[in-house]
Amino acid sequence: AWYARFFDALRELEARGTKVYPSAAFKQLVSSKADYLLLLERTGLPVCPTRLLGQAALTEPATSSATDGIAGGSRADPVAL
């Protein structure tokens, strides 16, 4: 919850004309390793093999469906490991 308020505050500063560097949007993007890896992969940059797991996969017993998806695989709420 505090994380969302942090990025909201940065966006509010930007809206008031305060220079925020790097931008609030960039800081929010790179704060999620999973989102950042997916962006790098979409732009064609090489990334090390990384499994992206959904939150449920972290609390449920391991199954083949819980471990599918190397960077670029799509699962809800990805967490990079």
PDB file of N, CA and C in Angstrom:
ATOM      1  N   ALA A   1       0.823  -1.195   0.000  1.00  0.00           N
ATOM      2  CA  ALA A   1       0.000   0.000   0.000  1.00  0.00           C
ATOM      3  C   ALA A   1       0.866   1.256   0.000  1.00  0.00           C
ATOM      4  N   TRP A   2       1.930   1.287   0.792  1.00  0.00           N
ATOM      5  CA  TRP A   2       2.777   2.482   0.807  1.00  0.00           C
ATOM      6  C   TRP A   2       3.445   2.691  -0.538  1.00  0.00           C
ATOM      7  N   TYR A   3       3.708   1.592  -1.244  1.00  0.00           N
ATOM      8  CA  TYR A   3       4.357   1.683  -2.552  1.00  0.00           C
ATOM      9  C   TYR A   3       3.489   2.459  -3.535  1.00  0.00           C
ATOM     10  N   ALA A   4       2.205   2.167  -3.556  1.00  0.00           N
ATOM     11  CA  ALA A   4       1.279   2.874  -4.452  1.00  0.00           C
ATOM     12  C   ALA A   4       1.237   4.359  -4.090  1.00  0.00           C
ATOM     13  N   ARG A   5       1.210   4.667  -2.809  1.00  0.00           N
ATOM     14  CA  ARG A   5       1.195   6.079  -2.383  1.00  0.00           C
ATOM     15  C   ARG A   5       2.486   6.789  -2.776  1.00  0.00           C
ATOM     16  N   PHE A   6       3.603   6.078  -2.718  1.00  0.00           N
ATOM     17  CA  PHE A   6       4.884   6.649  -3.113  1.00  0.00           C
ATOM     18  C   PHE A   6       4.853   7.088  -4.573  1.00  0.00           C
ATOM     19  N   PHE A   7       4.395   6.198  -5.459  1.00  0.00           N
ATOM     20  CA  PHE A   7       4.360   6.535  -6.879  1.00  0.00           C
ATOM     21  C   PHE A   7       3.299   7.594  -7.171  1.00  0.00           C
ATOM     22  N   ASP A   8       2.189   7.564  -6.444  1.00  0.00           N
ATOM     23  CA  ASP A   8       1.180   8.625  -6.587  1.00  0.00           C
ATOM     24  C   ASP A   8       1.776   9.977  -6.214  1.00  0.00           C
ATOM     25  N   ALA A   9       2.573  10.014  -5.148  1.00  0.00           N
ATOM     26  CA  ALA A   9       3.194  11.267  -4.710  1.00  0.00           C
ATOM     27  C   ALA A   9       4.178  11.778  -5.758  1.00  0.00           C
ATOM     28  N   LEU A  10       4.950  10.872  -6.345  1.00  0.00           N
ATOM     29  CA  LEU A  10       5.884  11.288  -7.398  1.00  0.00           C
ATOM     30  C   LEU A  10       5.139  11.845  -8.609  1.00  0.00           C
ATOM     31  N   ARG A  11       4.041  11.180  -9.003  1.00  0.00           N
ATOM     32  CA  ARG A  11       3.244  11.676 -10.136  1.00  0.00           C
ATOM     33  C   ARG A  11       2.621  13.030  -9.813  1.00  0.00           C
ATOM     34  N   GLU A  12       2.203  13.214  -8.564  1.00  0.00           N
ATOM     35  CA  GLU A  12       1.643  14.504  -8.149  1.00  0.00           C
ATOM     36  C   GLU A  12       2.699  15.603  -8.251  1.00  0.00           C
ATOM     37  N   LEU A  13       3.917  15.314  -7.818  1.00  0.00           N
ATOM     38  CA  LEU A  13       5.005  16.286  -7.952  1.00  0.00           C
ATOM     39  C   LEU A  13       5.235  16.647  -9.415  1.00  0.00           C
ATOM     40  N   GLU A  14       5.241  15.634 -10.275  1.00  0.00           N
ATOM     41  CA  GLU A  14       5.415  15.893 -11.707  1.00  0.00           C
ATOM     42  C   GLU A  14       4.285  16.763 -12.249  1.00  0.00           C
ATOM     43  N   ALA A  15       3.052  16.474 -11.826  1.00  0.00           N
ATOM     44  CA  ALA A  15       1.892  17.249 -12.289  1.00  0.00           C
ATOM     45  C   ALA A  15       1.998  18.710 -11.851  1.00  0.00           C
ATOM     46  N   ARG A  16       2.661  18.959 -10.731  1.00  0.00           N
ATOM     47  CA  ARG A  16       2.850  20.334 -10.245  1.00  0.00           C
ATOM     48  C   ARG A  16       4.022  21.038 -10.928  1.00  0.00           C
ATOM     49  N   GLY A  17       4.721  20.295 -11.798  1.00  0.00           N
ATOM     50  CA  GLY A  17       5.832  20.897 -12.525  1.00  0.00           C
ATOM     51  C   GLY A  17       7.199  20.629 -11.932  1.00  0.00           C
ATOM     52  N   THR A  18       7.260  19.844 -10.869  1.00  0.00           N
ATOM     53  CA  THR A  18       8.545  19.512 -10.257  1.00  0.00           C
ATOM     54  C   THR A  18       9.242  18.454 -11.107  1.00  0.00           C
ATOM     55  N   LYS A  19      10.508  18.663 -11.391  1.00  0.00           N
ATOM     56  CA  LYS A  19      11.285  17.677 -12.143  1.00  0.00           C
ATOM     57  C   LYS A  19      11.565  16.474 -11.240  1.00  0.00           C
ATOM     58  N   VAL A  20      11.190  15.312 -11.701  1.00  0.00           N
ATOM     59  CA  VAL A  20      11.475  14.056 -10.998  1.00  0.00           C
ATOM     60  C   VAL A  20      12.318  13.228 -11.953  1.00  0.00           C
ATOM     61  N   TYR A  21      13.537  12.919 -11.533  1.00  0.00           N
ATOM     62  CA  TYR A  21      14.435  12.166 -12.405  1.00  0.00           C
ATOM     63  C   TYR A  21      15.034  10.989 -11.662  1.00  0.00           C
ATOM     64  N   PRO A  22      14.958   9.803 -12.238  1.00  0.00           N
ATOM     65  CA  PRO A  22      14.145   9.451 -13.395  1.00  0.00           C
ATOM     66  C   PRO A  22      12.662   9.633 -13.096  1.00  0.00           C
ATOM     67  N   SER A  23      11.875   9.579 -14.130  1.00  0.00           N
ATOM     68  CA  SER A  23      10.438   9.853 -13.993  1.00  0.00           C
ATOM     69  C   SER A  23       9.751   8.844 -13.085  1.00  0.00           C
ATOM     70  N   ALA A  24       8.610   9.244 -12.568  1.00  0.00           N
ATOM     71  CA  ALA A  24       7.818   8.355 -11.705  1.00  0.00           C
ATOM     72  C   ALA A  24       7.443   7.082 -12.463  1.00  0.00           C
ATOM     73  N   ALA A  25       7.081   7.224 -13.728  1.00  0.00           N
ATOM     74  CA  ALA A  25       6.692   6.049 -14.520  1.00  0.00           C
ATOM     75  C   ALA A  25       7.866   5.081 -14.661  1.00  0.00           C
ATOM     76  N   PHE A  26       9.063   5.618 -14.917  1.00  0.00           N
ATOM     77  CA  PHE A  26      10.236   4.758 -15.052  1.00  0.00           C
ATOM     78  C   PHE A  26      10.570   4.079 -13.727  1.00  0.00           C
ATOM     79  N   LYS A  27      10.516   4.843 -12.647  1.00  0.00           N
ATOM     80  CA  LYS A  27      10.802   4.251 -11.330  1.00  0.00           C
ATOM     81  C   LYS A  27       9.822   3.133 -11.006  1.00  0.00           C
ATOM     82  N   GLN A  28       8.554   3.340 -11.365  1.00  0.00           N
ATOM     83  CA  GLN A  28       7.562   2.304 -11.093  1.00  0.00           C
ATOM     84  C   GLN A  28       7.833   1.076 -11.956  1.00  0.00           C
ATOM     85  N   LEU A  29       8.222   1.285 -13.212  1.00  0.00           N
ATOM     86  CA  LEU A  29       8.522   0.157 -14.093  1.00  0.00           C
ATOM     87  C   LEU A  29       9.677  -0.670 -13.561  1.00  0.00           C
ATOM     88  N   VAL A  30      10.785  -0.030 -13.223  1.00  0.00           N
ATOM     89  CA  VAL A  30      11.960  -0.794 -12.802  1.00  0.00           C
ATOM     90  C   VAL A  30      11.836  -1.322 -11.379  1.00  0.00           C
ATOM     91  N   SER A  31      10.849  -0.866 -10.624  1.00  0.00           N
ATOM     92  CA  SER A  31      10.670  -1.398  -9.274  1.00  0.00           C
ATOM     93  C   SER A  31      10.118  -2.815  -9.309  1.00  0.00           C
ATOM     94  N   SER A  32       9.546  -3.202 -10.447  1.00  0.00           N
ATOM     95  CA  SER A  32       9.062  -4.573 -10.617  1.00  0.00           C
ATOM     96  C   SER A  32      10.028  -5.301 -11.548  1.00  0.00           C
ATOM     97  N   LYS A  33      10.796  -6.197 -11.001  1.00  0.00           N
ATOM     98  CA  LYS A  33      11.773  -6.930 -11.809  1.00  0.00           C
ATOM     99  C   LYS A  33      11.082  -7.682 -12.941  1.00  0.00           C
ATOM    100  N   ALA A  34       9.928  -8.249 -12.675  1.00  0.00           N
ATOM    101  CA  ALA A  34       9.207  -9.004 -13.702  1.00  0.00           C
ATOM    102  C   ALA A  34       8.798  -8.093 -14.853  1.00  0.00           C
ATOM    103  N   ASP A  35       8.196  -6.947 -14.550  1.00  0.00           N
ATOM    104  CA  ASP A  35       7.786  -6.013 -15.610  1.00  0.00           C
ATOM    105  C   ASP A  35       8.994  -5.525 -16.396  1.00  0.00           C
ATOM    106  N   TYR A  36      10.080  -5.242 -15.696  1.00  0.00           N
ATOM    107  CA  TYR A  36      11.288  -4.748 -16.358  1.00  0.00           C
ATOM    108  C   TYR A  36      11.873  -5.809 -17.283  1.00  0.00           C
ATOM    109  N   LEU A  37      11.932  -7.065 -16.855  1.00  0.00           N
ATOM    110  CA  LEU A  37      12.440  -8.136 -17.708  1.00  0.00           C
ATOM    111  C   LEU A  37      11.557  -8.315 -18.938  1.00  0.00           C
ATOM    112  N   LEU A  38      10.245  -8.238 -18.760  1.00  0.00           N
ATOM    113  CA  LEU A  38       9.338  -8.368 -19.902  1.00  0.00           C
ATOM    114  C   LEU A  38       9.550  -7.227 -20.891  1.00  0.00           C
ATOM    115  N   LEU A  39       9.758  -6.015 -20.407  1.00  0.00           N
ATOM    116  CA  LEU A  39      10.022  -4.877 -21.287  1.00  0.00           C
ATOM    117  C   LEU A  39      11.314  -5.092 -22.072  1.00  0.00           C
ATOM    118  N   LEU A  40      12.373  -5.518 -21.390  1.00  0.00           N
ATOM    119  CA  LEU A  40      13.636  -5.765 -22.075  1.00  0.00           C
ATOM    120  C   LEU A  40      13.470  -6.831 -23.154  1.00  0.00           C
ATOM    121  N   GLU A  41      12.735  -7.887 -22.828  1.00  0.00           N
ATOM    122  CA  GLU A  41      12.523  -8.957 -23.795  1.00  0.00           C
ATOM    123  C   GLU A  41      11.711  -8.476 -24.994  1.00  0.00           C
ATOM    124  N   ARG A  42      10.650  -7.684 -24.739  1.00  0.00           N
ATOM    125  CA  ARG A  42       9.820  -7.164 -25.843  1.00  0.00           C
ATOM    126  C   ARG A  42      10.615  -6.259 -26.775  1.00  0.00           C
ATOM    127  N   THR A  43      11.617  -5.558 -26.250  1.00  0.00           N
ATOM    128  CA  THR A  43      12.417  -4.675 -27.090  1.00  0.00           C
ATOM    129  C   THR A  43      13.551  -5.418 -27.783  1.00  0.00           C
ATOM    130  N   GLY A  44      13.626  -6.735 -27.574  1.00  0.00           N
ATOM    131  CA  GLY A  44      14.616  -7.548 -28.264  1.00  0.00           C
ATOM    132  C   GLY A  44      15.960  -7.644 -27.579  1.00  0.00           C
ATOM    133  N   LEU A  45      16.068  -7.131 -26.372  1.00  0.00           N
ATOM    134  CA  LEU A  45      17.333  -7.226 -25.651  1.00  0.00           C
ATOM    135  C   LEU A  45      17.446  -8.590 -24.979  1.00  0.00           C
ATOM    136  N   PRO A  46      18.641  -9.126 -24.909  1.00  0.00           N
ATOM    137  CA  PRO A  46      18.795 -10.428 -24.271  1.00  0.00           C
ATOM    138  C   PRO A  46      18.580 -10.324 -22.759  1.00  0.00           C
ATOM    139  N   VAL A  47      17.918 -11.317 -22.219  1.00  0.00           N
ATOM    140  CA  VAL A  47      17.721 -11.410 -20.770  1.00  0.00           C
ATOM    141  C   VAL A  47      18.115 -12.810 -20.333  1.00  0.00           C
ATOM    142  N   CYS A  48      18.597 -12.929 -19.120  1.00  0.00           N
ATOM    143  CA  CYS A  48      18.942 -14.250 -18.624  1.00  0.00           C
ATOM    144  C   CYS A  48      17.645 -15.031 -18.390  1.00  0.00           C
ATOM    145  N   PRO A  49      17.686 -16.342 -18.547  1.00  0.00           N
ATOM    146  CA  PRO A  49      16.470 -17.134 -18.336  1.00  0.00           C
ATOM    147  C   PRO A  49      15.923 -16.917 -16.923  1.00  0.00           C
ATOM    148  N   THR A  50      14.673 -16.518 -16.847  1.00  0.00           N
ATOM    149  CA  THR A  50      14.033 -16.220 -15.569  1.00  0.00           C
ATOM    150  C   THR A  50      12.612 -16.752 -15.610  1.00  0.00           C
ATOM    151  N   ARG A  51      12.206 -17.427 -14.584  1.00  0.00           N
ATOM    152  CA  ARG A  51      10.815 -17.886 -14.504  1.00  0.00           C
ATOM    153  C   ARG A  51       9.987 -16.827 -13.815  1.00  0.00           C
ATOM    154  N   LEU A  52       8.849 -16.502 -14.413  1.00  0.00           N
ATOM    155  CA  LEU A  52       7.914 -15.560 -13.814  1.00  0.00           C
ATOM    156  C   LEU A  52       6.749 -16.352 -13.264  1.00  0.00           C
ATOM    157  N   LEU A  53       6.556 -16.267 -11.980  1.00  0.00           N
ATOM    158  CA  LEU A  53       5.504 -17.020 -11.318  1.00  0.00           C
ATOM    159  C   LEU A  53       4.430 -16.076 -10.816  1.00  0.00           C
ATOM    160  N   GLY A  54       3.184 -16.509 -10.906  1.00  0.00           N
ATOM    161  CA  GLY A  54       2.097 -15.740 -10.320  1.00  0.00           C
ATOM    162  C   GLY A  54       2.104 -15.901  -8.812  1.00  0.00           C
ATOM    163  N   GLN A  55       1.441 -15.012  -8.111  1.00  0.00           N
ATOM    164  CA  GLN A  55       1.385 -15.086  -6.647  1.00  0.00           C
ATOM    165  C   GLN A  55       0.884 -16.445  -6.174  1.00  0.00           C
ATOM    166  N   ALA A  56      -0.120 -17.003  -6.852  1.00  0.00           N
ATOM    167  CA  ALA A  56      -0.673 -18.291  -6.434  1.00  0.00           C
ATOM    168  C   ALA A  56       0.383 -19.391  -6.528  1.00  0.00           C
ATOM    169  N   ALA A  57       1.254 -19.306  -7.518  1.00  0.00           N
ATOM    170  CA  ALA A  57       2.285 -20.326  -7.694  1.00  0.00           C
ATOM    171  C   ALA A  57       3.279 -20.315  -6.542  1.00  0.00           C
ATOM    172  N   LEU A  58       3.369 -19.224  -5.841  1.00  0.00           N
ATOM    173  CA  LEU A  58       4.303 -19.140  -4.727  1.00  0.00           C
ATOM    174  C   LEU A  58       3.741 -19.756  -3.450  1.00  0.00           C
ATOM    175  N   THR A  59       2.437 -19.943  -3.402  1.00  0.00           N
ATOM    176  CA  THR A  59       1.820 -20.481  -2.191  1.00  0.00           C
ATOM    177  C   THR A  59       1.231 -21.868  -2.397  1.00  0.00           C
ATOM    178  N   GLU A  60       1.109 -22.305  -3.645  1.00  0.00           N
ATOM    179  CA  GLU A  60       0.564 -23.628  -3.941  1.00  0.00           C
ATOM    180  C   GLU A  60       1.713 -24.610  -4.159  1.00  0.00           C
ATOM    181  N   PRO A  61       1.444 -25.903  -3.993  1.00  0.00           N
ATOM    182  CA  PRO A  61       2.477 -26.894  -4.295  1.00  0.00           C
ATOM    183  C   PRO A  61       2.909 -26.771  -5.754  1.00  0.00           C
ATOM    184  N   ALA A  62       4.177 -27.012  -6.017  1.00  0.00           N
ATOM    185  CA  ALA A  62       4.716 -26.891  -7.371  1.00  0.00           C
ATOM    186  C   ALA A  62       4.043 -27.881  -8.310  1.00  0.00           C
ATOM    187  N   THR A  63       3.611 -27.386  -9.442  1.00  0.00           N
ATOM    188  CA  THR A  63       3.071 -28.212 -10.524  1.00  0.00           C
ATOM    189  C   THR A  63       3.695 -27.729 -11.809  1.00  0.00           C
ATOM    190  N   SER A  64       3.542 -28.474 -12.879  1.00  0.00           N
ATOM    191  CA  SER A  64       4.134 -28.042 -14.139  1.00  0.00           C
ATOM    192  C   SER A  64       3.548 -26.726 -14.602  1.00  0.00           C
ATOM    193  N   SER A  65       2.258 -26.461 -14.360  1.00  0.00           N
ATOM    194  CA  SER A  65       1.662 -25.203 -14.794  1.00  0.00           C
ATOM    195  C   SER A  65       2.129 -24.039 -13.942  1.00  0.00           C
ATOM    196  N   ALA A  66       2.532 -24.300 -12.717  1.00  0.00           N
ATOM    197  CA  ALA A  66       2.984 -23.216 -11.843  1.00  0.00           C
ATOM    198  C   ALA A  66       4.393 -22.769 -12.202  1.00  0.00           C
ATOM    199  N   THR A  67       5.133 -23.605 -12.921  1.00  0.00           N
ATOM    200  CA  THR A  67       6.508 -23.248 -13.227  1.00  0.00           C
ATOM    201  C   THR A  67       6.706 -22.959 -14.702  1.00  0.00           C
ATOM    202  N   ASP A  68       5.627 -22.889 -15.499  1.00  0.00           N
ATOM    203  CA  ASP A  68       5.820 -22.570 -16.909  1.00  0.00           C
ATOM    204  C   ASP A  68       6.050 -21.082 -17.083  1.00  0.00           C
ATOM    205  N   GLY A  69       6.632 -20.733 -18.190  1.00  0.00           N
ATOM    206  CA  GLY A  69       6.811 -19.326 -18.509  1.00  0.00           C
ATOM    207  C   GLY A  69       8.166 -18.779 -18.151  1.00  0.00           C
ATOM    208  N   ILE A  70       9.057 -18.848 -19.086  1.00  0.00           N
ATOM    209  CA  ILE A  70      10.313 -18.128 -18.958  1.00  0.00           C
ATOM    210  C   ILE A  70       9.963 -16.673 -19.245  1.00  0.00           C
ATOM    211  N   ALA A  71      10.838 -15.732 -18.952  1.00  0.00           N
ATOM    212  CA  ALA A  71      10.534 -14.312 -19.166  1.00  0.00           C
ATOM    213  C   ALA A  71       9.804 -14.158 -20.476  1.00  0.00           C
ATOM    214  N   GLY A  72       8.654 -13.554 -20.444  1.00  0.00           N
ATOM    215  CA  GLY A  72       7.823 -13.421 -21.617  1.00  0.00           C
ATOM    216  C   GLY A  72       6.562 -14.243 -21.484  1.00  0.00           C
ATOM    217  N   GLY A  73       6.588 -15.267 -20.632  1.00  0.00           N
ATOM    218  CA  GLY A  73       5.363 -16.012 -20.361  1.00  0.00           C
ATOM    219  C   GLY A  73       4.414 -15.110 -19.608  1.00  0.00           C
ATOM    220  N   SER A  74       3.136 -15.259 -19.812  1.00  0.00           N
ATOM    221  CA  SER A  74       2.234 -14.329 -19.131  1.00  0.00           C
ATOM    222  C   SER A  74       1.448 -15.062 -18.064  1.00  0.00           C
ATOM    223  N   ARG A  75       1.557 -14.588 -16.832  1.00  0.00           N
ATOM    224  CA  ARG A  75       0.772 -15.089 -15.716  1.00  0.00           C
ATOM    225  C   ARG A  75       0.369 -13.882 -14.911  1.00  0.00           C
ATOM    226  N   ALA A  76      -0.747 -13.969 -14.245  1.00  0.00           N
ATOM    227  CA  ALA A  76      -1.230 -12.849 -13.429  1.00  0.00           C
ATOM    228  C   ALA A  76      -0.257 -12.563 -12.293  1.00  0.00           C
ATOM    229  N   ASP A  77      -0.082 -11.300 -11.975  1.00  0.00           N
ATOM    230  CA  ASP A  77       0.783 -10.860 -10.888  1.00  0.00           C
ATOM    231  C   ASP A  77       2.138 -11.555 -10.904  1.00  0.00           C
ATOM    232  N   PRO A  78       2.938 -11.350 -11.951  1.00  0.00           N
ATOM    233  CA  PRO A  78       4.210 -12.070 -12.020  1.00  0.00           C
ATOM    234  C   PRO A  78       5.199 -11.600 -10.968  1.00  0.00           C
ATOM    235  N   VAL A  79       5.988 -12.542 -10.499  1.00  0.00           N
ATOM    236  CA  VAL A  79       7.058 -12.259  -9.566  1.00  0.00           C
ATOM    237  C   VAL A  79       8.301 -12.893 -10.155  1.00  0.00           C
ATOM    238  N   ALA A  80       9.340 -12.128 -10.372  1.00  0.00           N
ATOM    239  CA  ALA A  80      10.571 -12.676 -10.935  1.00  0.00           C
ATOM    240  C   ALA A  80      11.391 -13.309  -9.827  1.00  0.00           C
ATOM    241  N   LEU A  81      11.891 -14.483 -10.105  1.00  0.00           N
ATOM    242  CA  LEU A  81      12.743 -15.190  -9.153  1.00  0.00           C
ATOM    243  C   LEU A  81      14.134 -15.317  -9.716  1.00  0.00           C
TER     244      LEU A  81
END
